[in-house]
Amino acid sequence: MTDLLYSEEEEALRAAVRDLLADHCAPADVITRTESGTPHDLALWKLLADGMGLAGLLVPEEQGGQGASHREVAVVLEELGRAVAPVPYLTSAVVATEAVLACGDAQLLGQLASGRTIGALAVGLHTAPGAAVTSARVENGTLHGELTGVADAAVADVLLVPADDAGLYAVARDAVTITPQVALDLTRPLVTVTLDGVAGRRIGDAEPAVRRALRAAAGLLASEQLGVADWALTETVRYLKERKQFNRPVGGFQALKHRLAQLWLEVVNLRAAARAAADALATGEDTDVSVAVAQAYASPVAVHAAEEGLQLHGGIGMTWEHPVHLYLKRAKADSIAYGTAGAHREALAALVDLQAP
């Protein structure tokens, strides 16, 4: 029987990542970065990737990684979600790494595992596993086209570009034109990538690599959403215990207790779904079903938790200085990342032979 409880090693990893983020990713600093032209915190990325070796968790030891599993990656993403950390961990250490693992390019894999090279799959953040992917055109041996909604490409060193000849190409970021797009979540900026006669190195077949990468992304995104929801619930409970009205703590009012109790149940269920998806990705058992279940449930719960957090913080929750708006924006952006909840419900219905809603 699958054990979804956290192991001692996973709890130790959580504690280490949480301590690091507490010291180097304060909410005020994240808000300041969103107001600047450089939202990514590359110093924090270096501490996570180079200092702790977290960029190579999914990479086998013989190829320069840590040889861990998706369960450990899920723990890291929970903590990054709790801090809305502006680092390209999901896009580089998970999505790009999974694509390269599928292709078997040892050189690029080692570079990504070290964290000194940041990768990004040049596919729109909204793309669900198995959905049609916009590809670049191959003309006279070079790549042409425009790919929109690509997350974290602005700080990537290498872009993995699917092409219409069914190949996946590694392209240097300096060789393409990056145009920022307006994004709701400023901690995970989106760009348009324009290729105009760009040379690339074919590393493998695009279809299996993209499918594997997007499936892992959707499954592990649920853990990030769990971190967002858990922070919103924890901070809201803490605030309502301290905030007083009519000379008594606001959290003592029955109507608010009921709302928090309902939210707690949703977050607990989300934790089970996210853990099941991470375990399925690690073991390869019922992976598609577990990922679809997790994403069908995670998005509405994370959004609901962030919305309740903002509303129950009252006036202070409406201010720019309070970080709860960062969590609401991340939850809303994540709700359409790697497929909407509705898209995953349809996929789940097909997988278990039920009529889609």
Protein backbone atom coordinates (compact mmCIF):
# COMPACT_ATOMS: atom_id res chain seq x y z
CA MET A 1 0.00 0.00 0.00
CA THR A 2 1.32 3.44 -0.91
CA ASP A 3 2.55 5.50 2.03
CA LEU A 4 1.75 9.16 1.43
CA LEU A 5 3.12 10.32 4.79
CA TYR A 6 6.31 12.37 4.74
CA SER A 7 9.45 10.42 5.55
CA GLU A 8 12.06 11.64 8.03
CA GLU A 9 14.31 12.59 5.13
CA GLU A 10 11.53 14.57 3.48
CA GLU A 11 10.77 16.42 6.70
CA ALA A 12 14.46 17.22 7.12
CA LEU A 13 14.55 18.54 3.57
CA ARG A 14 11.47 20.65 4.27
CA ALA A 15 13.05 22.15 7.38
CA ALA A 16 16.24 23.03 5.53
CA VAL A 17 14.42 24.68 2.63
CA ARG A 18 12.04 26.55 4.94
CA ASP A 19 14.93 27.90 7.02
CA LEU A 20 16.73 29.07 3.89
CA LEU A 21 13.62 30.81 2.56
CA ALA A 22 12.93 32.42 5.93
CA ASP A 23 16.38 33.99 5.80
CA HIS A 24 16.51 34.95 2.11
CA CYS A 25 12.94 35.31 0.82
CA ALA A 26 11.08 37.74 3.05
CA PRO A 27 7.64 38.80 1.75
CA ALA A 28 8.66 42.46 1.66
CA ASP A 29 11.62 41.58 -0.57
CA VAL A 30 9.39 39.60 -2.95
CA ILE A 31 7.00 42.54 -3.23
CA THR A 32 9.92 44.87 -3.93
CA ARG A 33 11.15 42.58 -6.69
CA THR A 34 7.75 42.55 -8.38
CA GLU A 35 8.01 46.33 -8.64
CA SER A 36 11.44 46.14 -10.26
CA GLY A 37 12.47 45.09 -13.73
CA THR A 38 14.16 41.94 -12.37
CA PRO A 39 11.57 39.88 -10.50
CA HIS A 40 13.69 36.71 -10.43
CA ASP A 41 15.91 36.25 -7.38
CA LEU A 42 18.99 34.64 -8.92
CA ALA A 43 20.94 34.86 -5.65
CA LEU A 44 18.29 32.71 -3.99
CA TRP A 45 18.31 30.37 -6.98
CA LYS A 46 22.06 29.90 -6.53
CA LEU A 47 21.60 29.04 -2.86
CA LEU A 48 18.91 26.49 -3.69
CA ALA A 49 20.54 25.00 -6.75
CA ASP A 50 24.26 25.27 -6.11
CA GLY A 51 24.35 25.46 -2.32
CA MET A 52 21.75 22.76 -1.56
CA GLY A 53 21.90 20.79 -4.81
CA LEU A 54 18.14 20.98 -5.34
CA ALA A 55 18.29 21.61 -9.09
CA GLY A 56 19.43 18.04 -9.68
CA LEU A 57 17.01 16.12 -7.47
CA LEU A 58 15.45 14.34 -10.46
CA VAL A 59 18.78 13.61 -12.15
CA PRO A 60 20.53 10.27 -11.46
CA GLU A 61 23.77 10.46 -9.46
CA GLU A 62 25.84 9.04 -12.30
CA GLN A 63 24.75 12.01 -14.42
CA GLY A 64 25.63 14.65 -11.86
CA GLY A 65 22.38 14.84 -9.91
CA GLN A 66 21.10 13.81 -6.50
CA GLY A 67 19.22 10.70 -7.58
CA ALA A 68 16.12 11.60 -5.58
CA SER A 69 12.48 11.27 -6.64
CA HIS A 70 9.44 13.38 -7.35
CA ARG A 71 8.43 13.08 -3.70
CA GLU A 72 11.41 15.13 -2.60
CA VAL A 73 10.85 17.64 -5.39
CA ALA A 74 7.24 17.98 -4.22
CA VAL A 75 8.43 18.90 -0.71
CA VAL A 76 10.68 21.61 -2.16
CA LEU A 77 7.83 22.99 -4.27
CA GLU A 78 5.52 23.09 -1.23
CA GLU A 79 7.99 25.35 0.53
CA LEU A 80 8.59 27.49 -2.55
CA GLY A 81 4.82 27.89 -2.84
CA ARG A 82 4.59 28.93 0.81
CA ALA A 83 7.10 31.69 0.08
CA VAL A 84 5.94 32.50 -3.49
CA ALA A 85 9.68 32.39 -4.18
CA PRO A 86 10.54 34.11 -7.49
CA VAL A 87 12.90 31.39 -8.73
CA PRO A 88 12.68 29.22 -11.88
CA TYR A 89 12.62 25.94 -9.96
CA LEU A 90 9.48 24.40 -11.46
CA THR A 91 10.36 25.46 -15.00
CA SER A 92 14.04 24.46 -14.91
CA ALA A 93 14.55 21.74 -12.27
CA VAL A 94 11.31 19.97 -13.21
CA VAL A 95 9.97 20.83 -16.68
CA ALA A 96 13.21 21.38 -18.59
CA THR A 97 14.98 18.59 -16.70
CA GLU A 98 12.21 16.07 -17.43
CA ALA A 99 12.33 16.96 -21.11
CA VAL A 100 16.09 16.45 -21.25
CA LEU A 101 15.81 13.19 -19.29
CA ALA A 102 13.42 11.95 -21.98
CA CYS A 103 15.93 12.91 -24.66
CA GLY A 104 18.95 11.46 -22.85
CA ASP A 105 21.30 14.39 -23.50
CA ALA A 106 23.91 13.77 -20.78
CA GLN A 107 25.84 17.01 -21.30
CA LEU A 108 22.83 19.31 -20.98
CA LEU A 109 21.42 17.22 -18.17
CA GLY A 110 24.57 17.68 -16.12
CA GLN A 111 24.47 21.42 -16.70
CA LEU A 112 20.86 21.66 -15.52
CA ALA A 113 21.58 19.45 -12.51
CA SER A 114 24.35 21.77 -11.34
CA GLY A 115 21.99 24.74 -11.38
CA ARG A 116 24.56 26.86 -13.18
CA THR A 117 22.49 26.51 -16.35
CA ILE A 118 18.80 27.42 -16.22
CA GLY A 119 16.54 25.79 -18.75
CA ALA A 120 13.03 26.56 -19.98
CA LEU A 121 10.74 24.55 -22.21
CA ALA A 122 9.49 26.94 -24.89
CA VAL A 123 5.86 25.91 -24.52
CA GLY A 124 3.07 28.14 -23.22
CA LEU A 125 2.52 27.86 -19.47
CA HIS A 126 -1.17 27.18 -20.12
CA THR A 127 -0.50 24.01 -22.11
CA ALA A 128 -1.97 20.85 -20.59
CA PRO A 129 -0.31 17.43 -20.86
CA GLY A 130 -1.28 15.89 -24.18
CA ALA A 131 -2.57 19.15 -25.66
CA ALA A 132 -1.43 20.48 -29.02
CA VAL A 133 1.83 22.42 -28.81
CA THR A 134 2.85 25.39 -30.93
CA SER A 135 6.07 24.47 -32.70
CA ALA A 136 8.78 26.44 -34.43
CA ARG A 137 9.28 26.04 -38.19
CA VAL A 138 12.45 24.47 -39.53
CA GLU A 139 13.60 26.24 -42.69
CA ASN A 140 17.02 25.65 -44.23
CA GLY A 141 18.27 24.14 -41.01
CA THR A 142 17.27 27.07 -38.80
CA LEU A 143 14.30 27.76 -36.52
CA HIS A 144 11.61 30.35 -37.16
CA GLY A 145 8.44 31.30 -35.33
CA GLU A 146 6.88 32.94 -32.30
CA LEU A 147 6.10 31.10 -29.07
CA THR A 148 3.96 32.90 -26.49
CA GLY A 149 3.32 32.53 -22.77
CA VAL A 150 6.67 30.93 -21.97
CA ALA A 151 7.42 31.10 -18.25
CA ASP A 152 10.83 32.08 -16.84
CA ALA A 153 12.46 32.24 -20.27
CA ALA A 154 13.83 35.68 -19.45
CA VAL A 155 16.40 34.16 -17.07
CA ALA A 156 16.96 30.87 -18.89
CA ASP A 157 20.35 30.13 -20.41
CA VAL A 158 18.96 27.53 -22.79
CA LEU A 159 15.52 27.15 -24.33
CA LEU A 160 14.12 23.78 -25.36
CA VAL A 161 12.16 24.45 -28.55
CA PRO A 162 9.79 21.92 -30.15
CA ALA A 163 9.87 22.11 -33.95
CA ASP A 164 7.61 21.00 -36.78
CA ASP A 165 10.08 18.30 -37.84
CA ALA A 166 9.19 16.49 -34.55
CA GLY A 167 12.51 17.42 -33.00
CA LEU A 168 13.32 19.18 -29.72
CA TYR A 169 16.10 21.73 -30.09
CA ALA A 170 18.37 23.35 -27.50
CA VAL A 171 18.70 27.05 -28.32
CA ALA A 172 20.78 29.66 -26.51
CA ARG A 173 18.64 32.41 -25.03
CA ASP A 174 20.93 35.07 -26.48
CA ALA A 175 20.04 33.85 -29.98
CA VAL A 176 16.33 34.66 -29.65
CA THR A 177 14.29 37.78 -29.02
CA ILE A 178 12.53 37.91 -25.65
CA THR A 179 9.48 40.17 -25.32
CA PRO A 180 7.86 40.47 -21.85
CA GLN A 181 4.12 39.83 -21.62
CA VAL A 182 1.70 41.24 -19.08
CA ALA A 183 1.24 38.55 -16.44
CA LEU A 184 -0.99 38.43 -13.38
CA ASP A 185 1.65 36.62 -11.33
CA LEU A 186 4.66 38.92 -11.33
CA THR A 187 6.78 36.34 -9.50
CA ARG A 188 6.61 34.02 -12.54
CA PRO A 189 6.83 36.34 -15.56
CA LEU A 190 5.81 35.27 -19.05
CA VAL A 191 7.45 36.21 -22.34
CA THR A 192 7.09 35.79 -26.06
CA VAL A 193 10.03 34.03 -27.70
CA THR A 194 10.72 35.03 -31.30
CA LEU A 195 13.02 32.88 -33.43
CA ASP A 196 14.23 34.39 -36.70
CA GLY A 197 16.63 32.02 -38.40
CA VAL A 198 18.07 30.70 -35.15
CA ALA A 199 20.45 27.76 -35.05
CA GLY A 200 19.63 25.00 -32.59
CA ARG A 201 21.01 21.61 -31.56
CA ARG A 202 18.56 18.75 -31.87
CA ILE A 203 18.59 16.76 -28.62
CA GLY A 204 15.72 14.33 -29.22
CA ASP A 205 12.11 13.81 -30.22
CA ALA A 206 9.76 16.56 -29.13
CA GLU A 207 6.49 14.68 -28.58
CA PRO A 208 7.54 12.20 -25.84
CA ALA A 209 9.80 14.78 -24.18
CA VAL A 210 7.13 17.48 -24.02
CA ARG A 211 4.47 15.02 -22.90
CA ARG A 212 6.68 13.75 -20.06
CA ALA A 213 7.68 17.26 -19.01
CA LEU A 214 4.12 18.61 -18.93
CA ARG A 215 2.79 15.60 -17.03
CA ALA A 216 5.42 16.02 -14.32
CA ALA A 217 4.78 19.76 -14.27
CA ALA A 218 1.05 19.32 -13.76
CA GLY A 219 1.50 16.71 -11.06
CA LEU A 220 4.10 18.64 -9.08
CA LEU A 221 2.35 21.99 -9.55
CA ALA A 222 -0.25 20.60 -7.12
CA SER A 223 2.42 20.63 -4.41
CA GLU A 224 3.19 24.27 -5.10
CA GLN A 225 -0.54 25.01 -4.92
CA LEU A 226 -0.64 23.13 -1.62
CA GLY A 227 2.07 25.43 -0.28
CA VAL A 228 0.12 28.50 -1.37
CA ALA A 229 -3.11 27.22 0.22
CA ASP A 230 -1.42 26.11 3.42
CA TRP A 231 0.23 29.52 3.89
CA ALA A 232 -3.08 31.28 3.33
CA LEU A 233 -4.86 29.09 5.89
CA THR A 234 -2.07 29.28 8.49
CA GLU A 235 -1.62 33.03 8.26
CA THR A 236 -5.36 33.69 8.28
CA VAL A 237 -5.86 31.60 11.43
CA ARG A 238 -2.94 33.41 13.10
CA TYR A 239 -4.33 36.82 12.18
CA LEU A 240 -7.85 36.03 13.35
CA LYS A 241 -6.50 34.92 16.72
CA GLU A 242 -4.75 38.27 17.16
CA ARG A 243 -7.30 40.66 15.61
CA LYS A 244 -9.92 41.82 18.10
CA GLN A 245 -13.40 43.23 17.58
CA PHE A 246 -15.90 44.03 20.34
CA ASN A 247 -13.06 43.24 22.75
CA ARG A 248 -12.73 39.59 21.66
CA PRO A 249 -10.63 37.78 19.03
CA VAL A 250 -12.27 37.80 15.61
CA GLY A 251 -11.48 34.12 15.23
CA GLY A 252 -13.94 33.36 18.03
CA PHE A 253 -16.95 34.25 15.90
CA GLN A 254 -18.82 31.14 14.82
CA ALA A 255 -19.31 32.17 11.20
CA LEU A 256 -15.56 32.57 10.72
CA LYS A 257 -14.86 29.29 12.50
CA HIS A 258 -17.10 27.51 9.99
CA ARG A 259 -15.31 29.11 7.04
CA LEU A 260 -11.90 28.17 8.41
CA ALA A 261 -13.01 24.62 9.20
CA GLN A 262 -14.24 24.16 5.63
CA LEU A 263 -10.99 25.57 4.29
CA TRP A 264 -8.96 23.25 6.53
CA LEU A 265 -10.80 20.23 5.13
CA GLU A 266 -10.10 21.37 1.57
CA VAL A 267 -6.39 21.89 2.27
CA VAL A 268 -6.08 18.47 3.94
CA ASN A 269 -7.68 16.83 0.92
CA LEU A 270 -5.41 18.81 -1.37
CA ARG A 271 -2.38 17.52 0.54
CA ALA A 272 -3.52 13.95 -0.04
CA ALA A 273 -4.09 14.56 -3.77
CA ALA A 274 -0.74 16.33 -4.22
CA ARG A 275 1.14 13.62 -2.33
CA ALA A 276 -0.55 10.92 -4.39
CA ALA A 277 0.47 12.64 -7.63
CA ALA A 278 4.09 13.03 -6.48
CA ASP A 279 4.22 9.38 -5.38
CA ALA A 280 2.69 8.22 -8.67
CA LEU A 281 5.28 10.16 -10.63
CA ALA A 282 8.02 8.61 -8.49
CA THR A 283 6.76 5.03 -8.82
CA GLY A 284 5.18 5.15 -12.28
CA GLU A 285 1.91 3.62 -11.00
CA ASP A 286 -1.42 5.15 -12.13
CA THR A 287 0.47 8.32 -13.00
CA ASP A 288 -1.95 9.85 -15.49
CA VAL A 289 -4.96 9.31 -13.24
CA SER A 290 -3.22 10.63 -10.12
CA VAL A 291 -1.97 13.74 -11.91
CA ALA A 292 -5.41 14.46 -13.37
CA VAL A 293 -7.08 14.03 -9.96
CA ALA A 294 -4.56 16.31 -8.28
CA GLN A 295 -4.92 19.12 -10.81
CA ALA A 296 -8.69 18.82 -11.01
CA TYR A 297 -8.81 19.45 -7.27
CA ALA A 298 -5.79 21.67 -6.55
CA SER A 299 -6.61 24.76 -8.58
CA PRO A 300 -10.00 25.67 -7.04
CA VAL A 301 -8.75 24.93 -3.51
CA ALA A 302 -5.66 27.13 -3.84
CA VAL A 303 -7.72 29.98 -5.28
CA HIS A 304 -10.38 29.61 -2.57
CA ALA A 305 -7.77 29.59 0.20
CA ALA A 306 -6.07 32.72 -1.13
CA GLU A 307 -9.41 34.50 -1.61
CA GLU A 308 -10.51 33.65 1.94
CA GLY A 309 -7.13 34.77 3.23
CA LEU A 310 -7.43 38.15 1.56
CA GLN A 311 -11.04 38.71 2.65
CA LEU A 312 -10.58 37.57 6.24
CA HIS A 313 -7.57 39.83 6.67
CA GLY A 314 -10.01 42.70 6.24
CA GLY A 315 -8.62 46.10 5.30
CA ILE A 316 -4.96 45.12 5.73
CA GLY A 317 -5.48 42.32 3.19
CA MET A 318 -6.40 44.89 0.54
CA THR A 319 -3.10 46.75 0.88
CA TRP A 320 -0.11 46.30 -1.39
CA GLU A 321 2.19 46.02 1.63
CA HIS A 322 0.56 42.79 2.85
CA PRO A 323 1.81 39.75 0.87
CA VAL A 324 -1.54 37.97 0.58
CA HIS A 325 -2.09 39.48 -2.89
CA LEU A 326 1.03 37.64 -4.08
CA TYR A 327 -0.56 34.36 -3.09
CA LEU A 328 -3.87 35.14 -4.73
CA LYS A 329 -2.12 36.05 -7.98
CA ARG A 330 0.02 32.91 -7.86
CA ALA A 331 -3.05 30.77 -7.15
CA LYS A 332 -5.00 32.35 -10.03
CA ALA A 333 -2.08 31.99 -12.44
CA ASP A 334 -1.47 28.38 -11.35
CA SER A 335 -5.15 27.60 -11.93
CA ILE A 336 -4.58 27.78 -15.69
CA ALA A 337 -0.97 26.55 -15.71
CA TYR A 338 -0.43 23.17 -17.37
CA GLY A 339 -4.15 22.82 -17.98
CA THR A 340 -7.23 24.08 -16.20
CA ALA A 341 -9.15 22.03 -13.65
CA GLY A 342 -11.83 21.48 -16.29
CA ALA A 343 -9.31 20.15 -18.79
CA HIS A 344 -7.98 17.70 -16.22
CA ARG A 345 -11.49 16.57 -15.30
CA GLU A 346 -12.13 15.79 -18.96
CA ALA A 347 -8.83 13.91 -19.16
CA LEU A 348 -9.69 11.98 -16.01
CA ALA A 349 -13.11 11.02 -17.39
CA ALA A 350 -11.46 9.57 -20.49
CA LEU A 351 -8.89 7.68 -18.41
CA VAL A 352 -11.49 5.95 -16.24
CA ASP A 353 -14.11 5.50 -18.98
CA LEU A 354 -16.67 7.93 -17.60
CA GLN A 355 -18.72 10.43 -19.54
CA ALA A 356 -17.03 13.82 -19.35
CA PRO A 357 -19.03 16.64 -17.65
